[in-house]
Amino acid sequence: MKEGIHPDYREVVFVDLQTGTKFITRSTVNTRENIELDGKTYPLFKCDVTSESHPFYTGAQTRIVETGRVEKFRARFARTAGTLKKSS
């Protein structure tokens, strides 16, 4: 491999700003801040959303979709149930 053309691949701490969860992984991301963790200094990268807080991974998105489906069903059922009761 050529010297000087590859980014620095190192351990970086990623912090989820919504939950405060921290995890260490290897990355080439450029950071401005450092953090002391387990007696060692790591570069710090702050994330707005990770798998700890994203609705897809937490299951919140599924509940929102289900609620929408139930409301649509109730709206349709209310229209048809009202016409059936009137005609009987």
C-alpha atoms as a PDB file:
ATOM      1  CA  MET A   1       0.000   0.000   0.000  1.00  0.00           C
ATOM      2  CA  LYS A   2       1.139   3.542  -0.690  1.00  0.00           C
ATOM      3  CA  GLU A   3       2.166   5.610   2.306  1.00  0.00           C
ATOM      4  CA  GLY A   4       0.346   8.836   3.171  1.00  0.00           C
ATOM      5  CA  ILE A   5      -2.812   8.376   1.076  1.00  0.00           C
ATOM      6  CA  HIS A   6      -4.946   6.300   3.467  1.00  0.00           C
ATOM      7  CA  PRO A   7      -6.961   7.815   6.328  1.00  0.00           C
ATOM      8  CA  ASP A   8      -6.064   7.028   9.937  1.00  0.00           C
ATOM      9  CA  TYR A   9      -8.035   3.898  10.954  1.00  0.00           C
ATOM     10  CA  ARG A  10      -8.329   3.867  14.745  1.00  0.00           C
ATOM     11  CA  GLU A  11     -10.636   3.195  17.675  1.00  0.00           C
ATOM     12  CA  VAL A  12     -13.249   5.933  18.126  1.00  0.00           C
ATOM     13  CA  VAL A  13     -15.945   6.430  20.787  1.00  0.00           C
ATOM     14  CA  PHE A  14     -19.396   7.132  19.344  1.00  0.00           C
ATOM     15  CA  VAL A  15     -21.953   8.753  21.674  1.00  0.00           C
ATOM     16  CA  ASP A  16     -25.708   8.734  21.050  1.00  0.00           C
ATOM     17  CA  LEU A  17     -26.876  12.221  22.070  1.00  0.00           C
ATOM     18  CA  GLN A  18     -30.462  11.081  22.726  1.00  0.00           C
ATOM     19  CA  THR A  19     -29.688   8.177  25.065  1.00  0.00           C
ATOM     20  CA  GLY A  20     -26.116   8.880  26.172  1.00  0.00           C
ATOM     21  CA  THR A  21     -25.003   5.406  25.094  1.00  0.00           C
ATOM     22  CA  LYS A  22     -21.285   5.132  24.288  1.00  0.00           C
ATOM     23  CA  PHE A  23     -19.602   2.464  22.208  1.00  0.00           C
ATOM     24  CA  ILE A  24     -16.123   1.977  20.825  1.00  0.00           C
ATOM     25  CA  THR A  25     -15.511   0.894  17.260  1.00  0.00           C
ATOM     26  CA  ARG A  26     -12.826   1.381  14.637  1.00  0.00           C
ATOM     27  CA  SER A  27     -13.366   4.208  12.169  1.00  0.00           C
ATOM     28  CA  THR A  28     -11.656   6.755   9.925  1.00  0.00           C
ATOM     29  CA  VAL A  29     -13.995   9.594  10.953  1.00  0.00           C
ATOM     30  CA  ASN A  30     -12.337  12.949  11.677  1.00  0.00           C
ATOM     31  CA  THR A  31     -13.051  14.283  15.168  1.00  0.00           C
ATOM     32  CA  ARG A  32     -12.271  17.450  17.102  1.00  0.00           C
ATOM     33  CA  GLU A  33     -12.906  16.160  20.613  1.00  0.00           C
ATOM     34  CA  ASN A  34     -11.379  13.445  22.789  1.00  0.00           C
ATOM     35  CA  ILE A  35     -12.799  11.476  25.700  1.00  0.00           C
ATOM     36  CA  GLU A  36     -11.225   9.522  28.537  1.00  0.00           C
ATOM     37  CA  LEU A  37     -12.824   6.076  28.768  1.00  0.00           C
ATOM     38  CA  ASP A  38     -11.527   3.101  30.755  1.00  0.00           C
ATOM     39  CA  GLY A  39      -8.274   4.936  31.446  1.00  0.00           C
ATOM     40  CA  LYS A  40      -7.525   5.491  27.767  1.00  0.00           C
ATOM     41  CA  THR A  41      -8.039   8.563  25.575  1.00  0.00           C
ATOM     42  CA  TYR A  42     -10.124   8.094  22.414  1.00  0.00           C
ATOM     43  CA  PRO A  43     -11.383  10.443  19.701  1.00  0.00           C
ATOM     44  CA  LEU A  44     -15.071  11.300  20.297  1.00  0.00           C
ATOM     45  CA  PHE A  45     -17.821  11.455  17.664  1.00  0.00           C
ATOM     46  CA  LYS A  46     -21.326  12.600  18.645  1.00  0.00           C
ATOM     47  CA  CYS A  47     -24.244  10.959  16.801  1.00  0.00           C
ATOM     48  CA  ASP A  48     -27.789  12.278  16.711  1.00  0.00           C
ATOM     49  CA  VAL A  49     -29.285   8.841  16.027  1.00  0.00           C
ATOM     50  CA  THR A  50     -27.931   5.322  16.537  1.00  0.00           C
ATOM     51  CA  SER A  51     -29.536   1.895  16.801  1.00  0.00           C
ATOM     52  CA  GLU A  52     -30.195   2.663  20.494  1.00  0.00           C
ATOM     53  CA  SER A  53     -32.535   5.573  19.696  1.00  0.00           C
ATOM     54  CA  HIS A  54     -33.801   5.073  16.111  1.00  0.00           C
ATOM     55  CA  PRO A  55     -37.523   4.163  15.996  1.00  0.00           C
ATOM     56  CA  PHE A  56     -36.907   1.301  13.558  1.00  0.00           C
ATOM     57  CA  TYR A  57     -34.640  -0.498  16.029  1.00  0.00           C
ATOM     58  CA  THR A  58     -36.543   0.425  19.212  1.00  0.00           C
ATOM     59  CA  GLY A  59     -39.899  -0.726  17.826  1.00  0.00           C
ATOM     60  CA  ALA A  60     -41.603   2.672  18.205  1.00  0.00           C
ATOM     61  CA  GLN A  61     -42.065   2.952  14.436  1.00  0.00           C
ATOM     62  CA  THR A  62     -44.030  -0.308  14.359  1.00  0.00           C
ATOM     63  CA  ARG A  63     -46.437   0.960  17.005  1.00  0.00           C
ATOM     64  CA  ILE A  64     -47.024   4.181  15.076  1.00  0.00           C
ATOM     65  CA  VAL A  65     -47.785   2.227  11.890  1.00  0.00           C
ATOM     66  CA  GLU A  66     -50.156  -0.113  13.759  1.00  0.00           C
ATOM     67  CA  THR A  67     -51.970   2.828  15.335  1.00  0.00           C
ATOM     68  CA  GLY A  68     -52.501   4.360  11.918  1.00  0.00           C
ATOM     69  CA  ARG A  69     -53.912   1.105  10.574  1.00  0.00           C
ATOM     70  CA  VAL A  70     -56.338   0.754  13.486  1.00  0.00           C
ATOM     71  CA  GLU A  71     -57.571   4.315  13.035  1.00  0.00           C
ATOM     72  CA  LYS A  72     -58.114   3.750   9.293  1.00  0.00           C
ATOM     73  CA  PHE A  73     -60.081   0.566  10.038  1.00  0.00           C
ATOM     74  CA  ARG A  74     -62.237   2.320  12.643  1.00  0.00           C
ATOM     75  CA  ALA A  75     -62.954   5.192  10.244  1.00  0.00           C
ATOM     76  CA  ARG A  76     -64.050   2.778   7.497  1.00  0.00           C
ATOM     77  CA  PHE A  77     -66.056   0.642   9.905  1.00  0.00           C
ATOM     78  CA  ALA A  78     -67.782   3.682  11.383  1.00  0.00           C
ATOM     79  CA  ARG A  79     -68.949   4.790   7.917  1.00  0.00           C
ATOM     80  CA  THR A  80     -70.294   1.366   6.921  1.00  0.00           C
ATOM     81  CA  ALA A  81     -71.765   0.547  10.337  1.00  0.00           C
ATOM     82  CA  GLY A  82     -73.690   3.831  10.369  1.00  0.00           C
ATOM     83  CA  THR A  83     -75.295   3.162   6.952  1.00  0.00           C
ATOM     84  CA  LEU A  84     -76.212  -0.413   7.869  1.00  0.00           C
ATOM     85  CA  LYS A  85     -77.956   0.656  11.088  1.00  0.00           C
ATOM     86  CA  LYS A  86     -79.961   3.357   9.316  1.00  0.00           C
ATOM     87  CA  SER A  87     -81.239   1.037   6.588  1.00  0.00           C
ATOM     88  CA  SER A  88     -82.407  -1.704   8.986  1.00  0.00           C
END
